[in-house]
Amino acid sequence: MHETLFISDLHLDRERPQIIELFQRFLSQEAAGADALFILGDLFEYWIGDDACAPPLEPVIAALKNLADRGIPLYLIHGNRDFLIGKEFARRSGCRLLPDAQVIDLYGKPTLIMHGDSLCTDDVAYQRFRRIIRSRILQRLLISLSVAMRQNIAKRLRNKSRQEVQRKPTEIMDVNQQAVEQIMNQNDVTRLIHGHTHRPKIHNFGLNGRAARRMVLGDWYEQGSVLRCKAKHCKLDSVL
């Protein structure tokens, strides 16, 4: 049965070895029979450069490469935690890196895929930070620093992010519907798949007189959220 899989927000980290193991099983079992696997950002809790992969994460890269070598197409979009993933990671893992927003042909249906953080436009402070941290100049500067310095920066940013999540109103951390409709119109699509918000749900709405659908992926903190798409329908599911 033809099926394409979409996942995001795994936040793989040495502190959660059980999720690393779950993902490896997913790759060797479920993903091995898929038409393609799309990873829509935040595969890792943080990624400070292709030259600084933590040893517990090396098996993940090997498992991805093994899947790619078996002929399963793998695609990856950067998230807000792993935007420093580069060409060396792509070479070692067999993943093809995609731009922040990409329209794909999903069984004959044009579908826009993205991480989704750029749609959270109500969070003005985050969008300002995103523009700064994702600039090429700053990224080149970060990569030029020592691994130890990058690790310290990543830890500080993680702590700051956790503090801000606790104090910010939950509604501003969700996507803005106007931003959703704008980017869907720009790309002339009626289907959007994204992650980032950790709020798995399929939203149906009208867009310029047409039926539209936004499919939101869940995270992998407690269980593996996956969107399974076949020719006639898509279904949110759990790996567990």
Protein backbone atom coordinates (compact mmCIF):
# COMPACT_ATOMS: atom_id res chain seq x y z
CA MET A 1 0.00 0.00 0.00
CA HIS A 2 1.51 3.33 -1.11
CA GLU A 3 2.03 5.68 1.82
CA THR A 4 4.08 8.82 2.49
CA LEU A 5 5.06 9.65 6.06
CA PHE A 6 5.50 13.07 7.69
CA ILE A 7 7.07 13.70 11.10
CA SER A 8 8.46 16.67 13.01
CA ASP A 9 9.51 17.89 16.43
CA LEU A 10 11.29 14.74 17.54
CA HIS A 11 13.74 16.86 19.55
CA LEU A 12 16.16 13.93 19.75
CA ASP A 13 18.55 14.36 22.64
CA ARG A 14 20.96 12.23 24.65
CA GLU A 15 18.77 12.87 27.70
CA ARG A 16 15.91 10.88 26.11
CA PRO A 17 17.51 7.67 24.81
CA GLN A 18 14.14 5.90 24.67
CA ILE A 19 12.94 8.30 21.96
CA ILE A 20 16.15 7.80 19.99
CA GLU A 21 15.51 4.04 20.13
CA LEU A 22 11.87 4.54 19.13
CA PHE A 23 12.91 6.59 16.10
CA GLN A 24 15.43 3.97 15.03
CA ARG A 25 12.73 1.29 15.19
CA PHE A 26 10.41 3.52 13.23
CA LEU A 27 13.02 3.94 10.50
CA SER A 28 13.84 0.25 10.26
CA GLN A 29 10.23 -0.96 10.36
CA GLU A 30 7.48 1.48 9.36
CA ALA A 31 9.47 3.90 7.24
CA ALA A 32 11.14 1.04 5.37
CA GLY A 33 7.89 0.41 3.49
CA ALA A 34 7.01 4.03 2.74
CA ASP A 35 7.12 5.85 -0.58
CA ALA A 36 8.98 8.69 1.15
CA LEU A 37 9.70 10.18 4.58
CA PHE A 38 9.52 13.92 5.22
CA ILE A 39 11.03 15.36 8.43
CA LEU A 40 9.59 18.84 8.91
CA GLY A 41 12.04 20.36 11.36
CA ASP A 42 13.37 19.95 14.89
CA LEU A 43 14.67 16.46 14.35
CA PHE A 44 17.11 17.28 17.14
CA GLU A 45 16.68 19.18 20.40
CA TYR A 46 19.52 21.33 19.14
CA TRP A 47 22.16 21.06 16.42
CA ILE A 48 25.26 23.20 16.73
CA GLY A 49 26.93 22.12 13.50
CA ASP A 50 27.71 19.07 11.41
CA ASP A 51 31.13 18.89 13.06
CA ALA A 52 29.69 18.51 16.56
CA CYS A 53 27.27 15.59 16.55
CA ALA A 54 26.88 14.09 20.03
CA PRO A 55 27.90 10.37 20.07
CA PRO A 56 24.42 9.16 21.17
CA LEU A 57 22.99 10.70 17.99
CA GLU A 58 25.40 9.00 15.59
CA PRO A 59 23.16 5.88 15.33
CA VAL A 60 20.34 8.13 14.13
CA ILE A 61 22.44 9.33 11.20
CA ALA A 62 23.42 5.74 10.41
CA ALA A 63 19.78 4.59 10.54
CA LEU A 64 18.72 7.38 8.18
CA LYS A 65 21.50 6.49 5.75
CA ASN A 66 20.55 2.84 5.88
CA LEU A 67 16.98 3.76 4.96
CA ALA A 68 18.16 6.00 2.12
CA ASP A 69 20.42 3.24 0.82
CA ARG A 70 17.37 0.98 0.66
CA GLY A 71 15.84 3.40 -1.82
CA ILE A 72 13.46 5.34 0.44
CA PRO A 73 13.56 9.07 -0.41
CA LEU A 74 14.27 11.18 2.69
CA TYR A 75 13.61 14.91 2.91
CA LEU A 76 14.35 17.35 5.71
CA ILE A 77 13.28 20.93 6.43
CA HIS A 78 15.15 22.92 9.07
CA GLY A 79 13.37 23.69 12.32
CA ASN A 80 14.00 26.39 14.87
CA ARG A 81 16.25 24.04 16.88
CA ASP A 82 18.32 22.47 14.09
CA PHE A 83 18.74 25.21 11.48
CA LEU A 84 22.51 24.61 11.45
CA ILE A 85 22.11 21.20 9.81
CA GLY A 86 24.23 21.40 6.68
CA LYS A 87 25.51 19.61 3.62
CA GLU A 88 27.75 17.21 5.56
CA PHE A 89 24.79 15.95 7.58
CA ALA A 90 22.82 15.56 4.35
CA ARG A 91 25.64 13.54 2.80
CA ARG A 92 26.04 11.28 5.82
CA SER A 93 22.33 10.73 6.42
CA GLY A 94 21.09 10.52 2.85
CA CYS A 95 18.53 13.27 3.52
CA ARG A 96 17.78 15.89 0.91
CA LEU A 97 17.55 19.37 2.46
CA LEU A 98 14.53 21.39 1.40
CA PRO A 99 13.85 25.15 1.72
CA ASP A 100 11.72 26.55 4.54
CA ALA A 101 8.56 26.21 2.44
CA GLN A 102 8.21 23.65 -0.34
CA VAL A 103 5.30 22.58 -2.52
CA ILE A 104 5.32 18.86 -3.25
CA ASP A 105 3.15 16.62 -5.41
CA LEU A 106 1.46 14.34 -2.88
CA TYR A 107 -0.28 11.70 -4.97
CA GLY A 108 -1.41 14.30 -7.48
CA LYS A 109 -2.35 16.92 -4.88
CA PRO A 110 -0.11 20.02 -4.58
CA THR A 111 0.77 20.28 -0.88
CA LEU A 112 2.78 22.93 0.93
CA ILE A 113 5.12 21.63 3.64
CA MET A 114 7.07 23.66 6.20
CA HIS A 115 8.22 23.61 9.81
CA GLY A 116 5.65 26.20 10.80
CA ASP A 117 7.40 28.60 13.16
CA SER A 118 7.28 31.41 10.60
CA LEU A 119 3.46 31.22 10.77
CA CYS A 120 3.40 32.18 14.47
CA THR A 121 3.31 35.86 13.61
CA ASP A 122 1.47 36.91 16.78
CA ASP A 123 4.67 36.16 18.70
CA VAL A 124 6.44 39.32 17.58
CA ALA A 125 9.47 38.83 19.83
CA TYR A 126 10.08 35.33 18.49
CA GLN A 127 9.79 36.44 14.86
CA ARG A 128 12.35 39.19 15.51
CA PHE A 129 14.69 36.64 17.09
CA ARG A 130 14.10 34.23 14.19
CA ARG A 131 15.11 36.80 11.60
CA ILE A 132 18.34 37.46 13.48
CA ILE A 133 19.34 33.88 14.29
CA ARG A 134 18.53 32.60 10.80
CA SER A 135 20.62 35.22 9.00
CA ARG A 136 23.48 33.72 7.01
CA ILE A 137 25.99 36.10 8.52
CA LEU A 138 25.14 35.05 12.06
CA GLN A 139 25.08 31.38 11.12
CA ARG A 140 28.57 31.63 9.64
CA LEU A 141 29.70 33.37 12.82
CA LEU A 142 28.22 30.62 15.00
CA ILE A 143 29.90 27.86 13.00
CA SER A 144 33.25 29.65 13.33
CA LEU A 145 33.10 29.39 17.14
CA SER A 146 34.52 26.45 19.07
CA VAL A 147 32.26 23.50 19.77
CA ALA A 148 32.36 24.27 23.49
CA MET A 149 31.24 27.86 22.90
CA ARG A 150 28.42 26.70 20.62
CA GLN A 151 27.29 24.19 23.24
CA ASN A 152 27.11 26.92 25.88
CA ILE A 153 25.12 29.17 23.56
CA ALA A 154 22.72 26.35 22.74
CA LYS A 155 22.14 25.58 26.42
CA ARG A 156 21.44 29.24 27.20
CA LEU A 157 19.00 29.49 24.31
CA ARG A 158 17.22 26.32 25.42
CA ASN A 159 16.82 27.63 28.95
CA LYS A 160 15.58 30.98 27.68
CA SER A 161 13.10 29.26 25.38
CA ARG A 162 11.69 27.17 28.23
CA GLN A 163 11.25 30.26 30.40
CA GLU A 164 9.50 32.17 27.63
CA VAL A 165 7.14 29.29 26.86
CA GLN A 166 6.02 29.31 30.50
CA ARG A 167 5.29 33.03 30.60
CA LYS A 168 3.85 33.64 27.12
CA PRO A 169 0.09 33.36 26.46
CA THR A 170 -0.55 30.05 24.73
CA GLU A 171 -2.53 31.67 21.91
CA ILE A 172 0.39 33.70 20.57
CA MET A 173 2.51 30.55 20.25
CA ASP A 174 0.07 29.05 17.76
CA VAL A 175 -0.03 29.89 14.05
CA ASN A 176 -1.86 32.95 12.81
CA GLN A 177 -4.72 32.02 10.46
CA GLN A 178 -4.13 35.06 8.27
CA ALA A 179 -0.48 34.05 7.86
CA VAL A 180 -1.59 30.52 6.98
CA GLU A 181 -4.01 31.72 4.31
CA GLN A 182 -1.49 34.18 2.91
CA ILE A 183 1.24 31.61 2.32
CA MET A 184 -1.24 29.08 0.95
CA ASN A 185 -2.52 31.67 -1.52
CA GLN A 186 1.04 32.63 -2.47
CA ASN A 187 1.75 28.99 -3.32
CA ASP A 188 -1.71 28.32 -4.84
CA VAL A 189 -2.43 25.30 -2.64
CA THR A 190 -5.34 24.12 -0.52
CA ARG A 191 -3.31 21.75 1.65
CA LEU A 192 -0.62 22.60 4.20
CA ILE A 193 1.38 20.26 6.44
CA HIS A 194 3.52 21.68 9.25
CA GLY A 195 4.79 21.06 12.76
CA HIS A 196 6.36 23.31 15.42
CA THR A 197 3.29 24.00 17.59
CA HIS A 198 3.10 20.45 19.04
CA ARG A 199 -0.69 20.61 18.58
CA PRO A 200 -1.56 17.68 16.31
CA LYS A 201 -4.83 18.21 14.51
CA ILE A 202 -6.34 18.37 11.04
CA HIS A 203 -8.06 21.73 10.45
CA ASN A 204 -10.62 22.15 7.67
CA PHE A 205 -11.56 25.64 6.50
CA GLY A 206 -12.57 27.65 3.45
CA LEU A 207 -10.00 29.43 1.30
CA ASN A 208 -11.26 31.67 -1.50
CA GLY A 209 -14.34 29.54 -1.95
CA ARG A 210 -12.37 26.29 -1.94
CA ALA A 211 -12.13 23.61 0.73
CA ALA A 212 -8.72 23.82 2.42
CA ARG A 213 -6.94 21.68 4.98
CA ARG A 214 -4.10 22.34 7.44
CA MET A 215 -2.51 19.25 8.96
CA VAL A 216 -0.45 19.81 12.10
CA LEU A 217 2.11 17.24 13.25
CA GLY A 218 2.63 16.36 16.88
CA ASP A 219 5.89 15.93 18.78
CA TRP A 220 7.87 12.92 20.00
CA TYR A 221 8.19 13.75 23.69
CA GLU A 222 5.94 10.95 24.93
CA GLN A 223 5.03 9.14 21.74
CA GLY A 224 5.87 9.29 18.07
CA SER A 225 3.41 11.44 16.13
CA VAL A 226 3.22 10.65 12.42
CA LEU A 227 1.00 11.75 9.55
CA ARG A 228 0.30 8.91 7.15
CA CYS A 229 -0.80 10.06 3.71
CA LYS A 230 -2.18 7.82 1.00
CA ALA A 231 -3.69 8.75 -2.34
CA LYS A 232 -7.18 9.35 -0.94
CA HIS A 233 -6.64 10.48 2.64
CA CYS A 234 -4.22 11.51 5.39
CA LYS A 235 -4.40 10.31 8.99
CA LEU A 236 -2.65 11.47 12.13
CA ASP A 237 -1.33 8.49 14.03
CA SER A 238 1.12 7.42 16.72
CA VAL A 239 4.14 5.18 16.38
CA LEU A 240 3.44 3.71 19.82
